[in-house]
């Protein structure tokens, strides 16, 4: 996942997570990217500092976050956990299962799993609604 700093035509700054630069472009073209403050679809990538990997431990980087960022991260983790708790894990069969649900071949239900970039692009082209769920370092046990 790539985090982009975004800005709308009304100069509201916010962040968005995308699988790739192409994923951002595709979602923007389809009207899926909008400003959470004003709803504008005229959104562009803002200048941002590159993420540089260093020898510092992850705990040191986490401690460098401000209180607002820690709170937002905790909320994001809670949201991802709630989504997983209320959905069925389908593993690498996500694209197949999502398509079956979309076309009414199986009962509608919440699912989550893994999909390749190609599978995600194909789902988007078919009009299947889905969104990436962030995976946090402590989720990978």
C-alpha atoms as a PDB file:
ATOM      1  CA  UNK A   1       0.000   0.000   0.000  1.00  0.00           C
ATOM      2  CA  UNK A   2       1.134   3.530  -0.764  1.00  0.00           C
ATOM      3  CA  UNK A   3       0.037   6.561   1.245  1.00  0.00           C
ATOM      4  CA  UNK A   4      -0.503   9.691  -0.827  1.00  0.00           C
ATOM      5  CA  UNK A   5      -0.898  13.206   0.518  1.00  0.00           C
ATOM      6  CA  UNK A   6      -3.868  14.639  -1.369  1.00  0.00           C
ATOM      7  CA  UNK A   7      -5.383  18.091  -1.788  1.00  0.00           C
ATOM      8  CA  UNK A   8      -8.728  19.138  -3.248  1.00  0.00           C
ATOM      9  CA  UNK A   9      -9.621  22.216  -5.265  1.00  0.00           C
ATOM     10  CA  UNK A  10     -10.654  23.924  -2.002  1.00  0.00           C
ATOM     11  CA  UNK A  11      -7.181  23.296  -0.552  1.00  0.00           C
ATOM     12  CA  UNK A  12      -8.327  20.693   1.996  1.00  0.00           C
ATOM     13  CA  UNK A  13      -5.390  18.386   2.678  1.00  0.00           C
ATOM     14  CA  UNK A  14      -5.893  14.698   3.490  1.00  0.00           C
ATOM     15  CA  UNK A  15      -4.305  11.290   2.939  1.00  0.00           C
ATOM     16  CA  UNK A  16      -5.352   8.295   0.881  1.00  0.00           C
ATOM     17  CA  UNK A  17      -4.051   4.724   0.691  1.00  0.00           C
ATOM     18  CA  UNK A  18      -3.724   3.037  -2.696  1.00  0.00           C
ATOM     19  CA  UNK A  19      -2.139  -0.152  -4.009  1.00  0.00           C
ATOM     20  CA  UNK A  20      -0.181   1.818  -6.616  1.00  0.00           C
ATOM     21  CA  UNK A  21       0.006   5.080  -8.532  1.00  0.00           C
ATOM     22  CA  UNK A  22      -2.084   3.479 -11.279  1.00  0.00           C
ATOM     23  CA  UNK A  23      -4.699   2.478  -8.684  1.00  0.00           C
ATOM     24  CA  UNK A  24      -4.991   6.133  -7.593  1.00  0.00           C
ATOM     25  CA  UNK A  25      -5.344   7.248 -11.223  1.00  0.00           C
ATOM     26  CA  UNK A  26      -8.001   4.609 -11.954  1.00  0.00           C
ATOM     27  CA  UNK A  27     -10.025   5.413  -8.845  1.00  0.00           C
ATOM     28  CA  UNK A  28      -9.787   9.136  -9.568  1.00  0.00           C
ATOM     29  CA  UNK A  29     -11.010   8.658 -13.155  1.00  0.00           C
ATOM     30  CA  UNK A  30     -13.958   6.594 -11.895  1.00  0.00           C
ATOM     31  CA  UNK A  31     -14.898   9.292  -9.379  1.00  0.00           C
ATOM     32  CA  UNK A  32     -14.018   7.200  -6.316  1.00  0.00           C
ATOM     33  CA  UNK A  33     -11.591   9.751  -4.862  1.00  0.00           C
ATOM     34  CA  UNK A  34     -13.209  12.672  -3.095  1.00  0.00           C
ATOM     35  CA  UNK A  35     -12.393  15.141  -0.363  1.00  0.00           C
ATOM     36  CA  UNK A  36     -13.659  14.008   3.050  1.00  0.00           C
ATOM     37  CA  UNK A  37     -14.183  17.661   4.053  1.00  0.00           C
ATOM     38  CA  UNK A  38     -16.157  19.055   1.119  1.00  0.00           C
ATOM     39  CA  UNK A  39     -16.844  16.089  -1.176  1.00  0.00           C
ATOM     40  CA  UNK A  40     -15.021  17.593  -4.173  1.00  0.00           C
ATOM     41  CA  UNK A  41     -13.857  15.091  -6.791  1.00  0.00           C
ATOM     42  CA  UNK A  42     -11.178  17.515  -8.038  1.00  0.00           C
ATOM     43  CA  UNK A  43      -8.374  15.931  -6.047  1.00  0.00           C
ATOM     44  CA  UNK A  44      -4.663  15.943  -6.825  1.00  0.00           C
ATOM     45  CA  UNK A  45      -1.591  14.450  -5.206  1.00  0.00           C
ATOM     46  CA  UNK A  46       0.175  16.980  -3.008  1.00  0.00           C
ATOM     47  CA  UNK A  47       3.912  17.248  -2.579  1.00  0.00           C
ATOM     48  CA  UNK A  48       5.143  14.932   0.133  1.00  0.00           C
ATOM     49  CA  UNK A  49       8.441  13.828   1.552  1.00  0.00           C
ATOM     50  CA  UNK A  50       9.466  10.331   0.470  1.00  0.00           C
ATOM     51  CA  UNK A  51       9.397   7.580   3.050  1.00  0.00           C
ATOM     52  CA  UNK A  52      13.020   6.732   3.660  1.00  0.00           C
ATOM     53  CA  UNK A  53      13.920   3.508   5.365  1.00  0.00           C
ATOM     54  CA  UNK A  54      16.470   3.922   8.102  1.00  0.00           C
ATOM     55  CA  UNK A  55      18.153   1.684  10.608  1.00  0.00           C
ATOM     56  CA  UNK A  56      15.943   3.065  13.408  1.00  0.00           C
ATOM     57  CA  UNK A  57      13.692   0.634  15.168  1.00  0.00           C
ATOM     58  CA  UNK A  58       9.996   0.810  14.394  1.00  0.00           C
ATOM     59  CA  UNK A  59       9.225   1.629  18.049  1.00  0.00           C
ATOM     60  CA  UNK A  60      11.330   4.779  17.731  1.00  0.00           C
ATOM     61  CA  UNK A  61       9.406   5.863  14.651  1.00  0.00           C
ATOM     62  CA  UNK A  62       6.067   5.142  16.349  1.00  0.00           C
ATOM     63  CA  UNK A  63       7.080   7.258  19.342  1.00  0.00           C
ATOM     64  CA  UNK A  64       7.814  10.164  17.013  1.00  0.00           C
ATOM     65  CA  UNK A  65       4.122  10.433  16.079  1.00  0.00           C
ATOM     66  CA  UNK A  66       2.092  13.204  17.592  1.00  0.00           C
ATOM     67  CA  UNK A  67      -0.963  12.489  19.702  1.00  0.00           C
ATOM     68  CA  UNK A  68      -3.341  13.184  16.799  1.00  0.00           C
ATOM     69  CA  UNK A  69      -1.541  10.667  14.583  1.00  0.00           C
ATOM     70  CA  UNK A  70      -1.530   8.032  17.342  1.00  0.00           C
ATOM     71  CA  UNK A  71      -5.254   8.525  17.860  1.00  0.00           C
ATOM     72  CA  UNK A  72      -5.967   8.337  14.111  1.00  0.00           C
ATOM     73  CA  UNK A  73      -3.874   5.173  13.803  1.00  0.00           C
ATOM     74  CA  UNK A  74      -5.729   3.587  16.733  1.00  0.00           C
ATOM     75  CA  UNK A  75      -9.056   4.446  15.074  1.00  0.00           C
ATOM     76  CA  UNK A  76      -7.878   3.023  11.762  1.00  0.00           C
ATOM     77  CA  UNK A  77      -6.761  -0.196  13.464  1.00  0.00           C
ATOM     78  CA  UNK A  78     -10.104  -0.464  15.272  1.00  0.00           C
ATOM     79  CA  UNK A  79     -11.982   0.052  12.003  1.00  0.00           C
ATOM     80  CA  UNK A  80      -9.960  -2.629  10.224  1.00  0.00           C
ATOM     81  CA  UNK A  81     -10.523  -5.031  13.142  1.00  0.00           C
ATOM     82  CA  UNK A  82     -14.283  -4.361  13.124  1.00  0.00           C
ATOM     83  CA  UNK A  83     -14.435  -4.977   9.366  1.00  0.00           C
ATOM     84  CA  UNK A  84     -12.626  -8.296   9.799  1.00  0.00           C
ATOM     85  CA  UNK A  85     -14.822  -9.337  12.762  1.00  0.00           C
ATOM     86  CA  UNK A  86     -17.978  -8.810  10.707  1.00  0.00           C
ATOM     87  CA  UNK A  87     -16.830 -10.479   7.498  1.00  0.00           C
ATOM     88  CA  UNK A  88     -15.808 -13.919   6.284  1.00  0.00           C
ATOM     89  CA  UNK A  89     -12.135 -14.508   5.468  1.00  0.00           C
ATOM     90  CA  UNK A  90     -11.867 -16.017   1.977  1.00  0.00           C
ATOM     91  CA  UNK A  91      -8.068 -15.891   1.566  1.00  0.00           C
ATOM     92  CA  UNK A  92      -6.778 -15.756  -1.987  1.00  0.00           C
ATOM     93  CA  UNK A  93     -10.283 -16.478  -3.328  1.00  0.00           C
ATOM     94  CA  UNK A  94     -11.329 -12.865  -2.676  1.00  0.00           C
ATOM     95  CA  UNK A  95     -11.746 -11.839  -6.317  1.00  0.00           C
ATOM     96  CA  UNK A  96     -13.713 -14.991  -7.156  1.00  0.00           C
ATOM     97  CA  UNK A  97     -16.024 -14.653  -4.133  1.00  0.00           C
ATOM     98  CA  UNK A  98     -16.522 -10.888  -4.598  1.00  0.00           C
ATOM     99  CA  UNK A  99     -17.519 -11.450  -8.221  1.00  0.00           C
ATOM    100  CA  UNK A 100     -19.997 -14.218  -7.227  1.00  0.00           C
ATOM    101  CA  UNK A 101     -21.611 -11.890  -4.683  1.00  0.00           C
ATOM    102  CA  UNK A 102     -21.708  -8.998  -7.150  1.00  0.00           C
ATOM    103  CA  UNK A 103     -23.436 -11.070  -9.831  1.00  0.00           C
ATOM    104  CA  UNK A 104     -25.867 -12.712  -7.358  1.00  0.00           C
ATOM    105  CA  UNK A 105     -24.410 -16.197  -7.690  1.00  0.00           C
ATOM    106  CA  UNK A 106     -24.111 -16.485  -3.893  1.00  0.00           C
ATOM    107  CA  UNK A 107     -25.655 -14.757  -0.882  1.00  0.00           C
ATOM    108  CA  UNK A 108     -24.497 -11.223  -0.200  1.00  0.00           C
ATOM    109  CA  UNK A 109     -22.161 -11.006   2.796  1.00  0.00           C
ATOM    110  CA  UNK A 110     -19.083  -9.157   3.911  1.00  0.00           C
ATOM    111  CA  UNK A 111     -15.830 -10.808   2.910  1.00  0.00           C
ATOM    112  CA  UNK A 112     -12.135 -10.015   3.089  1.00  0.00           C
ATOM    113  CA  UNK A 113      -9.008 -11.674   1.763  1.00  0.00           C
ATOM    114  CA  UNK A 114      -6.163 -11.137  -0.639  1.00  0.00           C
ATOM    115  CA  UNK A 115      -6.191 -10.145  -4.304  1.00  0.00           C
ATOM    116  CA  UNK A 116      -3.473  -9.412  -6.801  1.00  0.00           C
ATOM    117  CA  UNK A 117      -3.292  -6.002  -8.458  1.00  0.00           C
ATOM    118  CA  UNK A 118      -4.553  -7.570 -11.690  1.00  0.00           C
ATOM    119  CA  UNK A 119      -7.521  -9.148  -9.869  1.00  0.00           C
ATOM    120  CA  UNK A 120      -8.338  -5.823  -8.193  1.00  0.00           C
ATOM    121  CA  UNK A 121      -8.227  -3.995 -11.538  1.00  0.00           C
ATOM    122  CA  UNK A 122     -10.501  -6.603 -13.089  1.00  0.00           C
ATOM    123  CA  UNK A 123     -12.983  -6.322 -10.194  1.00  0.00           C
ATOM    124  CA  UNK A 124     -13.034  -2.531 -10.571  1.00  0.00           C
ATOM    125  CA  UNK A 125     -13.622  -2.848 -14.331  1.00  0.00           C
ATOM    126  CA  UNK A 126     -16.564  -5.180 -13.609  1.00  0.00           C
ATOM    127  CA  UNK A 127     -18.069  -2.614 -11.241  1.00  0.00           C
ATOM    128  CA  UNK A 128     -17.499  -4.698  -8.107  1.00  0.00           C
ATOM    129  CA  UNK A 129     -17.306  -2.397  -5.086  1.00  0.00           C
ATOM    130  CA  UNK A 130     -14.424  -3.113  -2.703  1.00  0.00           C
ATOM    131  CA  UNK A 131     -11.714  -1.284  -0.832  1.00  0.00           C
ATOM    132  CA  UNK A 132      -8.309  -2.231   0.537  1.00  0.00           C
ATOM    133  CA  UNK A 133      -8.043  -2.844   4.271  1.00  0.00           C
ATOM    134  CA  UNK A 134      -4.718  -1.730   5.740  1.00  0.00           C
ATOM    135  CA  UNK A 135      -2.486  -4.423   7.191  1.00  0.00           C
ATOM    136  CA  UNK A 136      -0.447  -3.165  10.125  1.00  0.00           C
ATOM    137  CA  UNK A 137       2.962  -4.566  11.084  1.00  0.00           C
ATOM    138  CA  UNK A 138       1.591  -6.129  14.271  1.00  0.00           C
ATOM    139  CA  UNK A 139      -1.143  -7.904  12.196  1.00  0.00           C
ATOM    140  CA  UNK A 140       1.497 -10.024  10.415  1.00  0.00           C
ATOM    141  CA  UNK A 141       2.187 -12.814  12.861  1.00  0.00           C
END
